[in-house]
Amino acid sequence: MKTVRVMKIVSNDASQLHSLDELMRVFCSAKRYAFHRLLEGRNAKDIIQHLPHQFRLNKRYAEDAVLLVQG
C-alpha cells in the first residue's frame, strides 16, 4: 500500500517552483511514453524498468506512471 500526502507550497522561491514544474513535465512525458508502449503490446514490467533510464525518474515514479496509464 502506498501513502500519499497532499501538501500546499507556500514558498515564493521561484527555483523550487521551477523544479516542481520540471518534475511534473517529465512525469507527464513518462506517462505518455508508457501509454504508447502499452498500446504497442509491451509488458508493464519492462516499461517500469525502462522509464528510470529514459526519463531520470526513480522507481516509484516509474511504477506510478505505468499504473496511472493502465487505469
N, C-alpha and C. Protein backbone atom coordinates (compact mmCIF):
# COMPACT_ATOMS: atom_id res chain seq x y z
N MET A 1 0.84 -1.17 0.00
CA MET A 1 0.00 0.00 0.00
C MET A 1 0.89 1.24 0.00
N LYS A 2 0.51 2.23 -0.80
CA LYS A 2 1.27 3.47 -0.87
C LYS A 2 0.56 4.56 -0.09
N THR A 3 1.34 5.40 0.54
CA THR A 3 0.81 6.53 1.28
C THR A 3 1.11 7.79 0.49
N VAL A 4 0.11 8.61 0.31
CA VAL A 4 0.27 9.85 -0.43
C VAL A 4 -0.15 11.00 0.46
N ARG A 5 0.65 12.03 0.48
CA ARG A 5 0.32 13.24 1.25
C ARG A 5 0.07 14.38 0.28
N VAL A 6 -0.96 15.13 0.53
CA VAL A 6 -1.26 16.32 -0.25
C VAL A 6 -0.74 17.50 0.54
N MET A 7 0.07 18.32 -0.11
CA MET A 7 0.66 19.47 0.57
C MET A 7 0.49 20.71 -0.28
N LYS A 8 0.55 21.84 0.36
CA LYS A 8 0.44 23.12 -0.33
C LYS A 8 1.80 23.81 -0.26
N ILE A 9 2.25 24.33 -1.38
CA ILE A 9 3.53 25.03 -1.43
C ILE A 9 3.27 26.50 -1.10
N VAL A 10 3.92 26.98 -0.08
CA VAL A 10 3.73 28.37 0.32
C VAL A 10 5.01 29.19 0.13
N SER A 11 5.94 28.66 -0.61
CA SER A 11 7.21 29.33 -0.85
C SER A 11 7.10 30.28 -2.03
N ASN A 12 7.76 31.38 -1.93
CA ASN A 12 7.84 32.33 -3.05
C ASN A 12 9.13 32.14 -3.85
N ASP A 13 9.88 31.10 -3.54
CA ASP A 13 11.14 30.83 -4.21
C ASP A 13 10.87 30.27 -5.60
N ALA A 14 11.26 30.99 -6.61
CA ALA A 14 10.98 30.60 -7.99
C ALA A 14 11.74 29.34 -8.39
N SER A 15 12.89 29.09 -7.81
CA SER A 15 13.66 27.90 -8.19
C SER A 15 12.96 26.62 -7.74
N GLN A 16 12.30 26.65 -6.57
CA GLN A 16 11.57 25.47 -6.11
C GLN A 16 10.35 25.21 -6.99
N LEU A 17 9.67 26.26 -7.37
CA LEU A 17 8.51 26.11 -8.25
C LEU A 17 8.93 25.62 -9.63
N HIS A 18 10.07 26.09 -10.09
CA HIS A 18 10.59 25.64 -11.38
C HIS A 18 10.95 24.15 -11.32
N SER A 19 11.55 23.72 -10.21
CA SER A 19 11.90 22.31 -10.05
C SER A 19 10.65 21.43 -10.03
N LEU A 20 9.60 21.89 -9.38
CA LEU A 20 8.35 21.15 -9.35
C LEU A 20 7.71 21.09 -10.74
N ASP A 21 7.73 22.20 -11.46
CA ASP A 21 7.21 22.21 -12.83
C ASP A 21 7.98 21.25 -13.73
N GLU A 22 9.28 21.22 -13.56
CA GLU A 22 10.13 20.32 -14.36
C GLU A 22 9.82 18.86 -14.04
N LEU A 23 9.65 18.55 -12.77
CA LEU A 23 9.31 17.18 -12.36
C LEU A 23 7.97 16.77 -12.95
N MET A 24 6.98 17.63 -12.91
CA MET A 24 5.66 17.30 -13.46
C MET A 24 5.72 17.16 -14.97
N ARG A 25 6.53 17.97 -15.64
CA ARG A 25 6.69 17.86 -17.09
C ARG A 25 7.28 16.51 -17.46
N VAL A 26 8.31 16.10 -16.74
CA VAL A 26 8.96 14.81 -17.02
C VAL A 26 8.02 13.65 -16.69
N PHE A 27 7.27 13.76 -15.58
CA PHE A 27 6.35 12.70 -15.19
C PHE A 27 5.24 12.54 -16.24
N CYS A 28 4.70 13.64 -16.73
CA CYS A 28 3.66 13.56 -17.76
C CYS A 28 4.22 12.97 -19.06
N SER A 29 5.45 13.29 -19.39
CA SER A 29 6.08 12.70 -20.57
C SER A 29 6.26 11.20 -20.38
N ALA A 30 6.62 10.79 -19.18
CA ALA A 30 6.78 9.36 -18.89
C ALA A 30 5.45 8.64 -18.99
N LYS A 31 4.37 9.27 -18.55
CA LYS A 31 3.04 8.66 -18.67
C LYS A 31 2.66 8.48 -20.14
N ARG A 32 2.91 9.51 -20.95
CA ARG A 32 2.59 9.39 -22.38
C ARG A 32 3.41 8.29 -23.03
N TYR A 33 4.69 8.23 -22.68
CA TYR A 33 5.57 7.20 -23.22
C TYR A 33 5.07 5.81 -22.83
N ALA A 34 4.71 5.64 -21.55
CA ALA A 34 4.22 4.35 -21.07
C ALA A 34 2.91 3.97 -21.77
N PHE A 35 2.05 4.94 -21.98
CA PHE A 35 0.78 4.68 -22.66
C PHE A 35 1.01 4.14 -24.06
N HIS A 36 1.90 4.78 -24.79
CA HIS A 36 2.17 4.34 -26.17
C HIS A 36 2.86 2.98 -26.20
N ARG A 37 3.75 2.70 -25.22
CA ARG A 37 4.39 1.38 -25.18
C ARG A 37 3.38 0.29 -24.85
N LEU A 38 2.42 0.59 -23.97
CA LEU A 38 1.38 -0.39 -23.66
C LEU A 38 0.50 -0.66 -24.88
N LEU A 39 0.22 0.39 -25.66
CA LEU A 39 -0.55 0.20 -26.88
C LEU A 39 0.20 -0.66 -27.89
N GLU A 40 1.52 -0.59 -27.86
CA GLU A 40 2.34 -1.42 -28.75
C GLU A 40 2.38 -2.87 -28.29
N GLY A 41 1.89 -3.14 -27.07
CA GLY A 41 1.86 -4.50 -26.57
C GLY A 41 3.03 -4.88 -25.69
N ARG A 42 3.79 -3.90 -25.23
CA ARG A 42 4.91 -4.21 -24.36
C ARG A 42 4.43 -4.54 -22.95
N ASN A 43 5.25 -5.27 -22.23
CA ASN A 43 4.96 -5.70 -20.87
C ASN A 43 5.15 -4.53 -19.90
N ALA A 44 4.25 -4.39 -18.92
CA ALA A 44 4.32 -3.29 -17.96
C ALA A 44 5.61 -3.34 -17.14
N LYS A 45 6.06 -4.54 -16.78
CA LYS A 45 7.30 -4.66 -16.00
C LYS A 45 8.51 -4.15 -16.79
N ASP A 46 8.53 -4.43 -18.09
CA ASP A 46 9.63 -3.94 -18.92
C ASP A 46 9.60 -2.42 -19.01
N ILE A 47 8.42 -1.86 -19.10
CA ILE A 47 8.29 -0.40 -19.17
C ILE A 47 8.76 0.24 -17.87
N ILE A 48 8.38 -0.36 -16.74
CA ILE A 48 8.78 0.18 -15.43
C ILE A 48 10.30 0.15 -15.29
N GLN A 49 10.95 -0.86 -15.81
CA GLN A 49 12.41 -0.94 -15.74
C GLN A 49 13.07 0.06 -16.69
N HIS A 50 12.41 0.38 -17.80
CA HIS A 50 13.00 1.27 -18.80
C HIS A 50 12.81 2.75 -18.45
N LEU A 51 11.70 3.10 -17.83
CA LEU A 51 11.39 4.52 -17.56
C LEU A 51 12.45 5.26 -16.76
N PRO A 52 13.01 4.70 -15.67
CA PRO A 52 14.01 5.47 -14.93
C PRO A 52 15.24 5.83 -15.76
N HIS A 53 15.61 4.98 -16.70
CA HIS A 53 16.77 5.28 -17.54
C HIS A 53 16.44 6.30 -18.63
N GLN A 54 15.22 6.23 -19.13
CA GLN A 54 14.80 7.12 -20.20
C GLN A 54 14.53 8.53 -19.70
N PHE A 55 13.91 8.66 -18.52
CA PHE A 55 13.45 9.96 -18.03
C PHE A 55 14.09 10.42 -16.74
N ARG A 56 15.04 9.68 -16.21
CA ARG A 56 15.72 10.01 -14.95
C ARG A 56 14.72 10.15 -13.80
N LEU A 57 13.82 9.20 -13.71
CA LEU A 57 12.86 9.14 -12.61
C LEU A 57 13.25 8.00 -11.68
N ASN A 58 12.81 8.07 -10.42
CA ASN A 58 13.06 6.94 -9.54
C ASN A 58 12.01 5.86 -9.80
N LYS A 59 12.19 4.71 -9.17
CA LYS A 59 11.33 3.56 -9.45
C LYS A 59 9.88 3.82 -9.07
N ARG A 60 9.65 4.54 -8.00
CA ARG A 60 8.27 4.79 -7.58
C ARG A 60 7.53 5.63 -8.62
N TYR A 61 8.17 6.66 -9.14
CA TYR A 61 7.53 7.47 -10.17
C TYR A 61 7.26 6.64 -11.42
N ALA A 62 8.19 5.75 -11.76
CA ALA A 62 8.00 4.90 -12.93
C ALA A 62 6.81 3.97 -12.73
N GLU A 63 6.72 3.37 -11.55
CA GLU A 63 5.58 2.49 -11.26
C GLU A 63 4.27 3.26 -11.28
N ASP A 64 4.27 4.45 -10.69
CA ASP A 64 3.04 5.25 -10.66
C ASP A 64 2.61 5.67 -12.05
N ALA A 65 3.56 6.00 -12.92
CA ALA A 65 3.22 6.39 -14.28
C ALA A 65 2.54 5.23 -15.01
N VAL A 66 3.09 4.05 -14.87
CA VAL A 66 2.51 2.89 -15.56
C VAL A 66 1.14 2.54 -14.96
N LEU A 67 1.02 2.59 -13.63
CA LEU A 67 -0.25 2.27 -13.01
C LEU A 67 -1.34 3.27 -13.39
N LEU A 68 -1.00 4.55 -13.48
CA LEU A 68 -1.98 5.55 -13.89
C LEU A 68 -2.44 5.32 -15.33
N VAL A 69 -1.51 4.94 -16.17
CA VAL A 69 -1.83 4.72 -17.58
C VAL A 69 -2.67 3.47 -17.74
N GLN A 70 -2.39 2.44 -16.96
CA GLN A 70 -3.15 1.20 -17.07
C GLN A 70 -4.60 1.42 -16.62
N GLY A 71 -4.83 2.37 -15.73
CA GLY A 71 -6.17 2.64 -15.25
C GLY A 71 -6.97 3.34 -16.27
